[in-house]
Amino acid sequence: QNGCETFAGGTFTPGAVCGSCVASDEVGGAIVPEEPTCRDPLPGEPPGAGPGGQVCTLPIISASTEPGRAFVDYADCAVVRSQRPYYAMPPEVTTNPSDPRLADDAYLAELAWVREQAEASACACCHTASATPSGPAAWDTEAGPLWIDSVSDAALAMFGGLTDSAAFGFVEDPADNNGFDRSVTGLPTTDRPRLEAFVVAELARRGIEVEEARALPPFAPFFRDIIDFQPARCEDGQGIDADGTIRWTGGGARYVSILEADAQAPGAPPNFDLPDGTLWAIRVEPEAPAMSCGMRYGEVGGGVIQRVPTTGEPPALESGRDYFLYVQRDIVQPITRCLFTAP
């Protein structure tokens, strides 16, 4: 389903093997850690800003480590890559040795700063060749001295916030993300005006005006489509029975939510996965098997964590009122999302 809908842009129609709600024995999934990991600074690097001089980094795809350091040194990229589809697509970049940019010290200094910003972020886990398991995905900070040539026009516009990428998820307070902000620009940055100026100048060098860049297609619109989704009525085999038993289709799930009928659909963490109107949300532990449907509303079994409410039982569902059932195989991988009427 993920390959069909995310990459091919198709519509997934499950066969019988996918239609049940029986979980497999497979364990491990894309659980987003809620606390930063703290590590001692590498030899030769200055003390970090964390407790005892450590460097503390959120191991999530929208996070960054401290400026001037490499994300791959202070977080586990395997954890990060589990939170989004990763696929190798090495760019083809040939640098002309007579390119005038190579003799422009001011340009090279800005380009080095943009690379430093990128490699301090979790972007490096997929877009810095040496940090990936089988090659960079589309663009590469190690693609030569003019690595920016590996970045497409659409991706560059996203870098500078000329096209919207907020639905990818971002850490809302830069103070919680080592000073990096990704709420507007697609590339996390500690200096938004500087990054925006670089992007506008680079687009102009490519012959693209700002308004043209704003008109480019959104980069990876799948994430915006996820949160803009408007649910239809639940079909047979989906919803909640009179005794509170939850039923869904599509196989095992790692995330289950019950929301108000008009709530925004859950999206990418850390700020879109628990939207306003969430009444109950659970997820499995990182190394627990996926959940099978058949649990009751408000029931939290072994290996399951209740996220909403943080304590106590969820509010009772009102008979005759509509609610939104949202079930995910894993992060931003919905398998059932529909409206049901409480019995």
Protein backbone atom coordinates (compact mmCIF):
# COMPACT_ATOMS: atom_id res chain seq x y z
CA GLN A 1 0.00 0.00 0.00
CA ASN A 2 2.79 2.42 0.92
CA GLY A 3 4.64 1.81 -2.36
CA CYS A 4 1.47 1.98 -4.44
CA GLU A 5 0.08 5.18 -2.95
CA THR A 6 3.20 7.07 -1.81
CA PHE A 7 5.51 6.48 -4.77
CA ALA A 8 3.30 5.36 -7.67
CA GLY A 9 0.36 7.67 -6.91
CA GLY A 10 -2.11 4.82 -7.32
CA THR A 11 -5.09 3.58 -5.36
CA PHE A 12 -4.48 0.48 -3.26
CA THR A 13 -7.17 -2.21 -3.28
CA PRO A 14 -6.33 -4.88 -0.70
CA GLY A 15 -6.64 -8.56 -1.50
CA ALA A 16 -7.97 -11.08 0.98
CA VAL A 17 -4.61 -11.44 2.69
CA CYS A 18 -4.67 -7.73 3.56
CA GLY A 19 -8.31 -7.51 4.48
CA SER A 20 -8.18 -9.05 7.92
CA CYS A 21 -7.16 -7.36 11.15
CA VAL A 22 -4.90 -10.16 12.35
CA ALA A 23 -1.47 -8.89 13.34
CA SER A 24 1.65 -10.69 12.21
CA ASP A 25 4.41 -11.81 14.54
CA GLU A 26 6.69 -9.12 13.13
CA VAL A 27 7.94 -6.72 15.78
CA GLY A 28 9.56 -3.33 15.63
CA GLY A 29 8.25 -0.26 13.89
CA ALA A 30 8.64 3.45 13.41
CA ILE A 31 7.94 4.59 16.95
CA VAL A 32 8.98 8.22 17.31
CA PRO A 33 11.07 8.66 20.47
CA GLU A 34 9.69 11.31 22.76
CA GLU A 35 12.95 12.15 24.53
CA PRO A 36 16.32 13.23 23.10
CA THR A 37 19.36 11.00 23.22
CA CYS A 38 22.41 12.55 24.86
CA ARG A 39 25.97 11.60 23.92
CA ASP A 40 29.41 12.81 24.87
CA PRO A 41 30.92 15.14 22.26
CA LEU A 42 33.37 13.58 19.84
CA PRO A 43 37.07 13.95 20.69
CA GLY A 44 38.24 17.39 19.72
CA GLU A 45 34.75 18.88 19.71
CA PRO A 46 33.69 21.42 22.36
CA PRO A 47 31.35 20.49 25.20
CA GLY A 48 27.69 20.25 24.31
CA ALA A 49 24.83 22.32 25.67
CA GLY A 50 23.25 19.32 27.39
CA PRO A 51 23.67 18.02 30.93
CA GLY A 52 27.30 17.43 31.82
CA GLY A 53 28.45 18.88 28.52
CA GLN A 54 26.69 16.21 26.46
CA VAL A 55 25.09 16.79 23.07
CA CYS A 56 21.36 16.05 23.14
CA THR A 57 19.48 15.31 19.92
CA LEU A 58 15.93 14.22 19.15
CA PRO A 59 16.18 11.05 16.99
CA ILE A 60 13.33 12.09 14.70
CA ILE A 61 13.30 13.02 11.05
CA SER A 62 12.47 16.69 11.63
CA ALA A 63 15.19 17.24 14.24
CA SER A 64 18.73 18.61 14.26
CA THR A 65 21.75 18.27 16.48
CA GLU A 66 23.77 21.26 17.69
CA PRO A 67 25.01 23.69 15.01
CA GLY A 68 28.40 22.78 13.62
CA ARG A 69 28.05 19.10 14.49
CA ALA A 70 26.96 16.16 12.35
CA PHE A 71 23.56 14.62 13.11
CA VAL A 72 24.86 11.16 12.25
CA ASP A 73 27.32 11.41 15.15
CA TYR A 74 24.66 12.13 17.76
CA ALA A 75 21.56 10.16 16.73
CA ASP A 76 20.74 6.79 15.22
CA CYS A 77 19.93 7.18 11.52
CA ALA A 78 18.38 3.71 11.42
CA VAL A 79 15.69 4.99 13.79
CA VAL A 80 15.19 8.11 11.68
CA ARG A 81 14.91 6.21 8.40
CA SER A 82 12.24 3.96 9.90
CA GLN A 83 10.03 7.04 10.16
CA ARG A 84 9.78 7.65 6.40
CA PRO A 85 10.17 5.54 3.27
CA TYR A 86 13.85 5.53 2.25
CA TYR A 87 15.08 4.53 -1.17
CA ALA A 88 18.44 5.11 -2.85
CA MET A 89 18.37 7.33 -5.93
CA PRO A 90 21.92 8.68 -6.35
CA PRO A 91 22.00 11.94 -8.34
CA GLU A 92 24.20 12.39 -11.39
CA VAL A 93 26.29 15.50 -10.86
CA THR A 94 29.24 16.54 -13.02
CA THR A 95 31.20 19.59 -11.93
CA ASN A 96 32.78 21.67 -14.67
CA PRO A 97 36.25 22.66 -13.36
CA SER A 98 35.85 26.03 -15.08
CA ASP A 99 32.54 26.77 -13.33
CA PRO A 100 32.92 30.36 -12.05
CA ARG A 101 31.33 29.42 -8.73
CA LEU A 102 34.46 27.46 -7.84
CA ALA A 103 36.42 30.72 -7.80
CA ASP A 104 33.77 32.66 -5.89
CA ASP A 105 34.84 32.49 -2.25
CA ALA A 106 31.71 34.22 -0.97
CA TYR A 107 29.46 31.76 -2.81
CA LEU A 108 31.44 28.74 -1.61
CA ALA A 109 31.29 30.01 1.97
CA GLU A 110 27.49 30.25 1.81
CA LEU A 111 27.23 26.85 0.16
CA ALA A 112 29.41 25.36 2.91
CA TRP A 113 27.11 26.89 5.53
CA VAL A 114 24.01 25.40 3.85
CA ARG A 115 25.71 22.00 3.77
CA GLU A 116 26.58 22.36 7.46
CA GLN A 117 22.94 23.13 8.23
CA ALA A 118 21.79 20.11 6.22
CA GLU A 119 24.30 17.73 7.81
CA ALA A 120 23.38 18.92 11.30
CA SER A 121 19.83 17.81 10.56
CA ALA A 122 18.26 14.38 10.16
CA CYS A 123 18.15 15.11 6.41
CA ALA A 124 21.69 13.71 6.40
CA CYS A 125 20.37 10.23 7.15
CA CYS A 126 18.98 10.02 3.61
CA HIS A 127 20.83 12.77 1.76
CA THR A 128 24.48 12.37 2.80
CA ALA A 129 25.87 9.39 0.90
CA SER A 130 28.24 8.16 3.61
CA ALA A 131 25.39 8.07 6.15
CA THR A 132 23.03 5.94 4.05
CA PRO A 133 22.86 2.15 3.75
CA SER A 134 22.75 2.02 -0.06
CA GLY A 135 23.19 5.53 -1.41
CA PRO A 136 21.63 9.00 -1.17
CA ALA A 137 17.99 9.66 -1.97
CA ALA A 138 17.74 12.21 -4.80
CA TRP A 139 20.20 14.81 -3.48
CA ASP A 140 23.53 14.44 -1.76
CA THR A 141 25.57 16.84 0.37
CA GLU A 142 28.67 14.88 -0.68
CA ALA A 143 28.07 15.21 -4.44
CA GLY A 144 31.19 17.27 -5.02
CA PRO A 145 32.09 20.90 -4.32
CA LEU A 146 28.91 22.11 -6.01
CA TRP A 147 26.65 19.55 -4.36
CA ILE A 148 23.71 21.95 -4.57
CA ASP A 149 23.43 20.97 -8.25
CA SER A 150 22.05 17.62 -7.06
CA VAL A 151 19.03 19.43 -5.57
CA SER A 152 16.11 19.71 -7.98
CA ASP A 153 14.29 23.00 -8.56
CA ALA A 154 11.27 21.72 -6.61
CA ALA A 155 13.41 20.57 -3.70
CA LEU A 156 15.32 23.86 -3.67
CA ALA A 157 12.06 25.81 -3.54
CA MET A 158 11.04 23.60 -0.62
CA PHE A 159 14.40 24.25 1.09
CA GLY A 160 13.64 27.97 1.17
CA GLY A 161 9.98 27.68 2.15
CA LEU A 162 8.68 28.85 -1.24
CA THR A 163 6.57 25.69 -1.37
CA ASP A 164 4.92 24.25 1.71
CA SER A 165 6.46 21.29 3.52
CA ALA A 166 5.11 21.87 7.03
CA ALA A 167 3.06 18.66 6.84
CA PHE A 168 6.33 16.68 6.96
CA GLY A 169 6.29 17.61 10.65
CA PHE A 170 8.54 19.97 12.59
CA VAL A 171 9.62 20.67 16.15
CA GLU A 172 7.47 23.65 17.10
CA ASP A 173 9.92 25.40 19.44
CA PRO A 174 13.44 25.78 18.00
CA ALA A 175 14.71 25.85 21.61
CA ASP A 176 13.75 22.15 21.75
CA ASN A 177 15.64 21.48 18.51
CA ASN A 178 19.07 22.96 19.21
CA GLY A 179 18.00 26.30 17.73
CA PHE A 180 16.91 24.88 14.37
CA ASP A 181 13.57 25.91 12.84
CA ARG A 182 11.74 23.94 10.11
CA SER A 183 8.29 25.47 10.46
CA VAL A 184 8.65 27.54 7.27
CA THR A 185 11.73 26.41 5.39
CA GLY A 186 11.95 22.80 4.28
CA LEU A 187 15.56 22.59 5.42
CA PRO A 188 15.99 23.09 9.18
CA THR A 189 17.98 26.23 9.83
CA THR A 190 19.33 28.44 12.59
CA ASP A 191 19.14 31.51 10.31
CA ARG A 192 16.01 31.63 8.19
CA PRO A 193 16.76 34.94 6.34
CA ARG A 194 20.22 33.67 5.39
CA LEU A 195 18.88 30.37 4.03
CA GLU A 196 16.03 32.09 2.19
CA ALA A 197 18.46 34.54 0.59
CA PHE A 198 20.69 31.71 -0.58
CA VAL A 199 17.76 29.82 -2.10
CA VAL A 200 16.40 32.88 -3.93
CA ALA A 201 19.87 33.62 -5.35
CA GLU A 202 20.40 30.00 -6.40
CA LEU A 203 17.00 29.87 -8.10
CA ALA A 204 17.80 33.13 -9.90
CA ARG A 205 21.09 31.61 -11.09
CA ARG A 206 18.98 28.80 -12.57
CA GLY A 207 16.72 31.34 -14.28
CA ILE A 208 13.77 30.82 -11.92
CA GLU A 209 11.97 33.79 -10.37
CA VAL A 210 10.46 33.61 -6.89
CA GLU A 211 6.88 33.59 -8.18
CA GLU A 212 7.75 30.78 -10.57
CA ALA A 213 9.22 28.83 -7.67
CA ARG A 214 6.10 29.37 -5.59
CA ALA A 215 4.09 27.84 -8.45
CA LEU A 216 6.17 24.65 -8.51
CA PRO A 217 4.36 21.51 -7.33
CA PRO A 218 4.62 20.82 -3.61
CA PHE A 219 7.45 18.50 -2.72
CA ALA A 220 6.05 15.09 -1.62
CA PRO A 221 2.39 16.26 -1.33
CA PHE A 222 1.47 12.89 0.20
CA PHE A 223 2.04 14.29 3.71
CA ARG A 224 -0.35 17.21 3.15
CA ASP A 225 -2.90 14.83 1.62
CA ILE A 226 -2.70 12.71 4.79
CA ILE A 227 -3.83 15.51 7.12
CA ASP A 228 -6.32 16.97 4.62
CA PHE A 229 -8.06 13.61 4.20
CA GLN A 230 -11.85 13.71 4.53
CA PRO A 231 -13.23 10.39 5.81
CA ALA A 232 -16.23 8.57 4.37
CA ARG A 233 -18.50 6.19 6.24
CA CYS A 234 -16.94 3.03 7.60
CA GLU A 235 -17.55 -0.10 5.57
CA ASP A 236 -18.41 -3.60 6.77
CA GLY A 237 -15.78 -4.84 9.18
CA GLN A 238 -14.91 -1.33 10.37
CA GLY A 239 -16.12 0.68 13.36
CA ILE A 240 -17.08 -0.07 16.96
CA ASP A 241 -19.52 -2.69 18.18
CA ALA A 242 -22.08 -2.20 20.95
CA ASP A 243 -19.66 -3.64 23.53
CA GLY A 244 -16.92 -1.18 22.50
CA THR A 245 -14.97 -3.65 20.36
CA ILE A 246 -12.95 -1.86 17.67
CA ARG A 247 -12.83 -3.37 14.20
CA TRP A 248 -10.70 -2.36 11.24
CA THR A 249 -9.38 -3.84 8.00
CA GLY A 250 -5.94 -3.88 6.46
CA GLY A 251 -3.93 -6.01 8.87
CA GLY A 252 -2.02 -5.32 12.08
CA ALA A 253 -1.61 -1.78 13.39
CA ARG A 254 0.92 0.11 15.47
CA TYR A 255 -1.25 3.23 15.96
CA VAL A 256 -4.99 3.46 16.71
CA SER A 257 -6.94 6.68 17.31
CA ILE A 258 -10.58 7.61 17.94
CA LEU A 259 -11.30 11.27 17.22
CA GLU A 260 -14.20 13.68 16.99
CA ALA A 261 -15.90 13.38 13.61
CA ASP A 262 -14.66 16.79 12.44
CA ALA A 263 -11.07 16.44 13.70
CA GLN A 264 -8.14 16.79 11.34
CA ALA A 265 -6.71 13.45 10.31
CA PRO A 266 -3.51 12.44 12.16
CA GLY A 267 -0.31 13.07 10.23
CA ALA A 268 3.41 13.15 10.74
CA PRO A 269 4.87 13.59 14.21
CA PRO A 270 5.88 15.42 16.25
CA ASN A 271 3.09 17.97 15.77
CA PHE A 272 0.45 16.46 13.48
CA ASP A 273 0.02 13.00 14.98
CA LEU A 274 -2.26 14.00 17.88
CA PRO A 275 -4.57 16.66 16.41
CA ASP A 276 -7.17 18.55 18.39
CA GLY A 277 -10.24 16.40 18.84
CA THR A 278 -8.29 13.22 19.61
CA LEU A 279 -10.31 11.34 22.24
CA TRP A 280 -8.17 8.24 22.53
CA ALA A 281 -4.85 7.32 20.96
CA ILE A 282 -2.67 4.29 21.58
CA ARG A 283 0.48 2.87 20.05
CA VAL A 284 2.54 -0.23 20.61
CA GLU A 285 5.94 -0.31 22.28
CA PRO A 286 8.90 -0.14 19.85
CA GLU A 287 9.66 -3.86 20.04
CA ALA A 288 6.11 -5.15 20.52
CA PRO A 289 4.12 -6.87 17.76
CA ALA A 290 1.44 -4.95 15.93
CA MET A 291 -2.09 -4.89 17.36
CA SER A 292 -4.97 -6.95 16.07
CA CYS A 293 -8.41 -5.42 16.06
CA GLY A 294 -10.80 -6.75 18.66
CA MET A 295 -9.66 -4.70 21.66
CA ARG A 296 -12.26 -2.50 23.32
CA TYR A 297 -12.33 1.27 23.32
CA GLY A 298 -10.26 2.45 26.29
CA GLU A 299 -8.55 -0.94 26.68
CA VAL A 300 -4.75 -0.86 26.96
CA GLY A 301 -3.14 -4.29 26.78
CA GLY A 302 0.41 -5.47 27.18
CA GLY A 303 2.98 -3.75 24.99
CA VAL A 304 0.58 -0.85 24.34
CA ILE A 305 1.03 2.78 25.40
CA GLN A 306 -1.93 5.15 25.81
CA ARG A 307 -0.99 8.58 24.50
CA VAL A 308 -4.38 10.34 24.84
CA PRO A 309 -5.50 10.85 27.48
CA THR A 310 -2.16 10.79 29.26
CA THR A 311 -3.83 9.31 32.35
CA GLY A 312 -7.18 7.73 33.07
CA GLU A 313 -9.91 6.53 30.75
CA PRO A 314 -11.05 8.28 27.56
CA PRO A 315 -14.45 9.97 27.49
CA ALA A 316 -17.41 7.70 26.87
CA LEU A 317 -18.72 7.67 23.31
CA GLU A 318 -22.26 9.00 22.91
CA SER A 319 -24.74 6.64 21.28
CA GLY A 320 -25.88 7.92 17.88
CA ARG A 321 -22.98 10.32 17.49
CA ASP A 322 -20.38 10.06 14.69
CA TYR A 323 -16.68 9.54 15.40
CA PHE A 324 -13.51 9.21 13.32
CA LEU A 325 -11.63 5.89 13.44
CA TYR A 326 -8.01 6.24 12.30
CA VAL A 327 -5.77 3.18 12.24
CA GLN A 328 -2.18 3.11 10.96
CA ARG A 329 0.03 0.21 10.06
CA ASP A 330 2.87 2.56 11.02
CA ILE A 331 3.67 6.27 10.92
CA VAL A 332 1.74 7.98 8.08
CA GLN A 333 0.67 4.56 6.75
CA PRO A 334 -3.12 4.54 7.30
CA ILE A 335 -5.05 1.32 6.73
CA THR A 336 -8.50 2.28 8.05
CA ARG A 337 -9.79 5.88 8.34
CA CYS A 338 -13.53 6.31 8.36
CA LEU A 339 -16.56 7.66 10.23
CA PHE A 340 -18.69 5.39 12.40
CA THR A 341 -21.77 5.99 14.49
CA ALA A 342 -21.46 4.95 18.12
CA PRO A 343 -24.04 2.22 18.90
